[in-house]
Amino acid sequence: MAARSDPLFLIIAGAITALFLPFAIAFPPTFMEKVAAVVLLLLIAAGVSALILRLRRK
């Protein structure tokens, strides 16, 4: 897993989050669905970022 202090991890995860956050907030109709969508977005962004860093190091 990528180190938490790796700036590239934060850059990639932040870019993915910034790109899809408006959609995660705009489309779900209820507040709880919006919260769930944001949490899911953050988990996916962290996973994709870790995967990119792992594949890049091989």
PDB file of N, CA and C in Angstrom:
ATOM      1  N   MET A   1       0.841  -1.176   0.000  1.00  0.00           N
ATOM      2  CA  MET A   1       0.000   0.000   0.000  1.00  0.00           C
ATOM      3  C   MET A   1       0.888   1.241   0.000  1.00  0.00           C
ATOM      4  N   ALA A   2       0.407   2.298  -0.584  1.00  0.00           N
ATOM      5  CA  ALA A   2       1.181   3.530  -0.669  1.00  0.00           C
ATOM      6  C   ALA A   2       1.293   4.178   0.705  1.00  0.00           C
ATOM      7  N   ALA A   3       2.422   4.817   0.923  1.00  0.00           N
ATOM      8  CA  ALA A   3       2.617   5.522   2.180  1.00  0.00           C
ATOM      9  C   ALA A   3       1.693   6.731   2.227  1.00  0.00           C
ATOM     10  N   ARG A   4       1.191   7.032   3.373  1.00  0.00           N
ATOM     11  CA  ARG A   4       0.279   8.172   3.514  1.00  0.00           C
ATOM     12  C   ARG A   4       0.997   9.496   3.242  1.00  0.00           C
ATOM     13  N   SER A   5       2.301   9.532   3.398  1.00  0.00           N
ATOM     14  CA  SER A   5       3.041  10.768   3.191  1.00  0.00           C
ATOM     15  C   SER A   5       3.447  10.970   1.735  1.00  0.00           C
ATOM     16  N   ASP A   6       3.081  10.031   0.858  1.00  0.00           N
ATOM     17  CA  ASP A   6       3.427  10.150  -0.550  1.00  0.00           C
ATOM     18  C   ASP A   6       2.574  11.241  -1.200  1.00  0.00           C
ATOM     19  N   PRO A   7       3.177  12.320  -1.675  1.00  0.00           N
ATOM     20  CA  PRO A   7       2.375  13.414  -2.231  1.00  0.00           C
ATOM     21  C   PRO A   7       1.632  13.027  -3.510  1.00  0.00           C
ATOM     22  N   LEU A   8       2.174  12.095  -4.291  1.00  0.00           N
ATOM     23  CA  LEU A   8       1.489  11.693  -5.514  1.00  0.00           C
ATOM     24  C   LEU A   8       0.168  11.002  -5.197  1.00  0.00           C
ATOM     25  N   PHE A   9       0.122  10.227  -4.114  1.00  0.00           N
ATOM     26  CA  PHE A   9      -1.122   9.597  -3.678  1.00  0.00           C
ATOM     27  C   PHE A   9      -2.185  10.652  -3.412  1.00  0.00           C
ATOM     28  N   LEU A  10      -1.815  11.696  -2.691  1.00  0.00           N
ATOM     29  CA  LEU A  10      -2.765  12.761  -2.360  1.00  0.00           C
ATOM     30  C   LEU A  10      -3.179  13.553  -3.590  1.00  0.00           C
ATOM     31  N   ILE A  11      -2.258  13.757  -4.516  1.00  0.00           N
ATOM     32  CA  ILE A  11      -2.576  14.503  -5.738  1.00  0.00           C
ATOM     33  C   ILE A  11      -3.587  13.737  -6.582  1.00  0.00           C
ATOM     34  N   ILE A  12      -3.350  12.443  -6.766  1.00  0.00           N
ATOM     35  CA  ILE A  12      -4.249  11.633  -7.583  1.00  0.00           C
ATOM     36  C   ILE A  12      -5.615  11.506  -6.914  1.00  0.00           C
ATOM     37  N   ALA A  13      -5.626  11.182  -5.624  1.00  0.00           N
ATOM     38  CA  ALA A  13      -6.896  11.044  -4.905  1.00  0.00           C
ATOM     39  C   ALA A  13      -7.663  12.364  -4.876  1.00  0.00           C
ATOM     40  N   GLY A  14      -6.963  13.455  -4.699  1.00  0.00           N
ATOM     41  CA  GLY A  14      -7.613  14.772  -4.695  1.00  0.00           C
ATOM     42  C   GLY A  14      -8.184  15.146  -6.046  1.00  0.00           C
ATOM     43  N   ALA A  15      -7.474  14.810  -7.110  1.00  0.00           N
ATOM     44  CA  ALA A  15      -7.965  15.120  -8.451  1.00  0.00           C
ATOM     45  C   ALA A  15      -9.218  14.311  -8.774  1.00  0.00           C
ATOM     46  N   ILE A  16      -9.216  13.039  -8.422  1.00  0.00           N
ATOM     47  CA  ILE A  16     -10.397  12.200  -8.671  1.00  0.00           C
ATOM     48  C   ILE A  16     -11.584  12.716  -7.857  1.00  0.00           C
ATOM     49  N   THR A  17     -11.334  13.055  -6.602  1.00  0.00           N
ATOM     50  CA  THR A  17     -12.400  13.564  -5.740  1.00  0.00           C
ATOM     51  C   THR A  17     -12.948  14.889  -6.284  1.00  0.00           C
ATOM     52  N   ALA A  18     -12.066  15.791  -6.679  1.00  0.00           N
ATOM     53  CA  ALA A  18     -12.507  17.087  -7.190  1.00  0.00           C
ATOM     54  C   ALA A  18     -13.295  16.941  -8.488  1.00  0.00           C
ATOM     55  N   LEU A  19     -12.926  15.967  -9.302  1.00  0.00           N
ATOM     56  CA  LEU A  19     -13.608  15.775 -10.568  1.00  0.00           C
ATOM     57  C   LEU A  19     -15.031  15.258 -10.386  1.00  0.00           C
ATOM     58  N   PHE A  20     -15.228  14.324  -9.460  1.00  0.00           N
ATOM     59  CA  PHE A  20     -16.528  13.676  -9.322  1.00  0.00           C
ATOM     60  C   PHE A  20     -17.368  14.163  -8.147  1.00  0.00           C
ATOM     61  N   LEU A  21     -16.834  15.023  -7.279  1.00  0.00           N
ATOM     62  CA  LEU A  21     -17.593  15.491  -6.130  1.00  0.00           C
ATOM     63  C   LEU A  21     -18.882  16.227  -6.498  1.00  0.00           C
ATOM     64  N   PRO A  22     -18.898  17.085  -7.501  1.00  0.00           N
ATOM     65  CA  PRO A  22     -20.167  17.742  -7.848  1.00  0.00           C
ATOM     66  C   PRO A  22     -21.270  16.750  -8.227  1.00  0.00           C
ATOM     67  N   PHE A  23     -20.898  15.665  -8.882  1.00  0.00           N
ATOM     68  CA  PHE A  23     -21.894  14.662  -9.269  1.00  0.00           C
ATOM     69  C   PHE A  23     -22.385  13.888  -8.048  1.00  0.00           C
ATOM     70  N   ALA A  24     -21.474  13.608  -7.115  1.00  0.00           N
ATOM     71  CA  ALA A  24     -21.859  12.875  -5.906  1.00  0.00           C
ATOM     72  C   ALA A  24     -22.792  13.694  -5.030  1.00  0.00           C
ATOM     73  N   ILE A  25     -22.678  15.004  -5.088  1.00  0.00           N
ATOM     74  CA  ILE A  25     -23.526  15.871  -4.277  1.00  0.00           C
ATOM     75  C   ILE A  25     -24.833  16.205  -5.000  1.00  0.00           C
ATOM     76  N   ALA A  26     -24.792  16.358  -6.312  1.00  0.00           N
ATOM     77  CA  ALA A  26     -25.955  16.856  -7.047  1.00  0.00           C
ATOM     78  C   ALA A  26     -27.044  15.818  -7.282  1.00  0.00           C
ATOM     79  N   PHE A  27     -26.681  14.589  -7.580  1.00  0.00           N
ATOM     80  CA  PHE A  27     -27.685  13.637  -8.042  1.00  0.00           C
ATOM     81  C   PHE A  27     -28.457  12.889  -6.965  1.00  0.00           C
ATOM     82  N   PRO A  28     -27.857  12.430  -5.870  1.00  0.00           N
ATOM     83  CA  PRO A  28     -28.661  11.717  -4.873  1.00  0.00           C
ATOM     84  C   PRO A  28     -29.704  12.652  -4.243  1.00  0.00           C
ATOM     85  N   PRO A  29     -30.946  12.189  -4.113  1.00  0.00           N
ATOM     86  CA  PRO A  29     -32.010  13.081  -3.640  1.00  0.00           C
ATOM     87  C   PRO A  29     -32.003  13.354  -2.138  1.00  0.00           C
ATOM     88  N   THR A  30     -31.622  12.399  -1.303  1.00  0.00           N
ATOM     89  CA  THR A  30     -31.677  12.626   0.142  1.00  0.00           C
ATOM     90  C   THR A  30     -30.288  12.898   0.694  1.00  0.00           C
ATOM     91  N   PHE A  31     -30.268  13.474   1.890  1.00  0.00           N
ATOM     92  CA  PHE A  31     -29.004  13.816   2.522  1.00  0.00           C
ATOM     93  C   PHE A  31     -28.161  12.574   2.801  1.00  0.00           C
ATOM     94  N   MET A  32     -28.782  11.521   3.298  1.00  0.00           N
ATOM     95  CA  MET A  32     -28.031  10.299   3.617  1.00  0.00           C
ATOM     96  C   MET A  32     -27.448   9.662   2.351  1.00  0.00           C
ATOM     97  N   GLU A  33     -28.165   9.728   1.252  1.00  0.00           N
ATOM     98  CA  GLU A  33     -27.629   9.217  -0.013  1.00  0.00           C
ATOM     99  C   GLU A  33     -26.457  10.062  -0.487  1.00  0.00           C
ATOM    100  N   LYS A  34     -26.515  11.367  -0.252  1.00  0.00           N
ATOM    101  CA  LYS A  34     -25.397  12.246  -0.610  1.00  0.00           C
ATOM    102  C   LYS A  34     -24.159  11.908   0.216  1.00  0.00           C
ATOM    103  N   VAL A  35     -24.361  11.678   1.512  1.00  0.00           N
ATOM    104  CA  VAL A  35     -23.243  11.317   2.395  1.00  0.00           C
ATOM    105  C   VAL A  35     -22.643   9.987   1.949  1.00  0.00           C
ATOM    106  N   ALA A  36     -23.506   9.022   1.657  1.00  0.00           N
ATOM    107  CA  ALA A  36     -23.020   7.722   1.203  1.00  0.00           C
ATOM    108  C   ALA A  36     -22.259   7.844  -0.116  1.00  0.00           C
ATOM    109  N   ALA A  37     -22.749   8.677  -1.028  1.00  0.00           N
ATOM    110  CA  ALA A  37     -22.082   8.863  -2.317  1.00  0.00           C
ATOM    111  C   ALA A  37     -20.711   9.506  -2.136  1.00  0.00           C
ATOM    112  N   VAL A  38     -20.597  10.462  -1.242  1.00  0.00           N
ATOM    113  CA  VAL A  38     -19.307  11.116  -0.987  1.00  0.00           C
ATOM    114  C   VAL A  38     -18.323  10.141  -0.344  1.00  0.00           C
ATOM    115  N   VAL A  39     -18.802   9.352   0.617  1.00  0.00           N
ATOM    116  CA  VAL A  39     -17.931   8.365   1.257  1.00  0.00           C
ATOM    117  C   VAL A  39     -17.459   7.342   0.230  1.00  0.00           C
ATOM    118  N   LEU A  40     -18.372   6.863  -0.595  1.00  0.00           N
ATOM    119  CA  LEU A  40     -18.006   5.906  -1.643  1.00  0.00           C
ATOM    120  C   LEU A  40     -17.006   6.528  -2.616  1.00  0.00           C
ATOM    121  N   LEU A  41     -17.211   7.780  -2.971  1.00  0.00           N
ATOM    122  CA  LEU A  41     -16.283   8.467  -3.861  1.00  0.00           C
ATOM    123  C   LEU A  41     -14.889   8.555  -3.253  1.00  0.00           C
ATOM    124  N   LEU A  42     -14.803   8.867  -1.970  1.00  0.00           N
ATOM    125  CA  LEU A  42     -13.497   8.960  -1.311  1.00  0.00           C
ATOM    126  C   LEU A  42     -12.803   7.603  -1.261  1.00  0.00           C
ATOM    127  N   LEU A  43     -13.566   6.549  -0.986  1.00  0.00           N
ATOM    128  CA  LEU A  43     -12.974   5.212  -0.959  1.00  0.00           C
ATOM    129  C   LEU A  43     -12.481   4.785  -2.340  1.00  0.00           C
ATOM    130  N   ILE A  44     -13.261   5.071  -3.353  1.00  0.00           N
ATOM    131  CA  ILE A  44     -12.855   4.722  -4.718  1.00  0.00           C
ATOM    132  C   ILE A  44     -11.625   5.531  -5.130  1.00  0.00           C
ATOM    133  N   ALA A  45     -11.606   6.817  -4.804  1.00  0.00           N
ATOM    134  CA  ALA A  45     -10.459   7.659  -5.159  1.00  0.00           C
ATOM    135  C   ALA A  45      -9.187   7.163  -4.478  1.00  0.00           C
ATOM    136  N   ALA A  46      -9.284   6.775  -3.213  1.00  0.00           N
ATOM    137  CA  ALA A  46      -8.117   6.260  -2.501  1.00  0.00           C
ATOM    138  C   ALA A  46      -7.657   4.933  -3.101  1.00  0.00           C
ATOM    139  N   GLY A  47      -8.610   4.080  -3.449  1.00  0.00           N
ATOM    140  CA  GLY A  47      -8.259   2.790  -4.051  1.00  0.00           C
ATOM    141  C   GLY A  47      -7.603   2.938  -5.408  1.00  0.00           C
ATOM    142  N   VAL A  48      -8.161   3.788  -6.234  1.00  0.00           N
ATOM    143  CA  VAL A  48      -7.584   4.007  -7.566  1.00  0.00           C
ATOM    144  C   VAL A  48      -6.200   4.625  -7.446  1.00  0.00           C
ATOM    145  N   SER A  49      -6.049   5.565  -6.535  1.00  0.00           N
ATOM    146  CA  SER A  49      -4.748   6.200  -6.342  1.00  0.00           C
ATOM    147  C   SER A  49      -3.700   5.187  -5.875  1.00  0.00           C
ATOM    148  N   ALA A  50      -4.061   4.331  -4.939  1.00  0.00           N
ATOM    149  CA  ALA A  50      -3.127   3.301  -4.462  1.00  0.00           C
ATOM    150  C   ALA A  50      -2.782   2.322  -5.584  1.00  0.00           C
ATOM    151  N   LEU A  51      -3.774   1.962  -6.391  1.00  0.00           N
ATOM    152  CA  LEU A  51      -3.537   1.049  -7.509  1.00  0.00           C
ATOM    153  C   LEU A  51      -2.595   1.672  -8.541  1.00  0.00           C
ATOM    154  N   ILE A  52      -2.800   2.935  -8.854  1.00  0.00           N
ATOM    155  CA  ILE A  52      -1.932   3.618  -9.818  1.00  0.00           C
ATOM    156  C   ILE A  52      -0.493   3.659  -9.296  1.00  0.00           C
ATOM    157  N   LEU A  53      -0.332   3.983  -8.022  1.00  0.00           N
ATOM    158  CA  LEU A  53       1.024   4.036  -7.471  1.00  0.00           C
ATOM    159  C   LEU A  53       1.675   2.660  -7.469  1.00  0.00           C
ATOM    160  N   ARG A  54       0.921   1.627  -7.162  1.00  0.00           N
ATOM    161  CA  ARG A  54       1.483   0.267  -7.147  1.00  0.00           C
ATOM    162  C   ARG A  54       1.880  -0.160  -8.563  1.00  0.00           C
ATOM    163  N   LEU A  55       1.035   0.102  -9.541  1.00  0.00           N
ATOM    164  CA  LEU A  55       1.348  -0.283 -10.917  1.00  0.00           C
ATOM    165  C   LEU A  55       2.513   0.533 -11.477  1.00  0.00           C
ATOM    166  N   ARG A  56       2.617   1.756 -11.037  1.00  0.00           N
ATOM    167  CA  ARG A  56       3.689   2.634 -11.517  1.00  0.00           C
ATOM    168  C   ARG A  56       5.049   2.194 -10.997  1.00  0.00           C
ATOM    169  N   ARG A  57       5.106   1.608  -9.832  1.00  0.00           N
ATOM    170  CA  ARG A  57       6.360   1.204  -9.221  1.00  0.00           C
ATOM    171  C   ARG A  57       6.881  -0.116  -9.771  1.00  0.00           C
ATOM    172  N   LYS A  58       6.046  -0.878 -10.459  1.00  0.00           N
ATOM    173  CA  LYS A  58       6.500  -2.173 -11.007  1.00  0.00           C
ATOM    174  C   LYS A  58       7.258  -2.004 -12.273  1.00  0.00           C
TER     175      LYS A  58
END
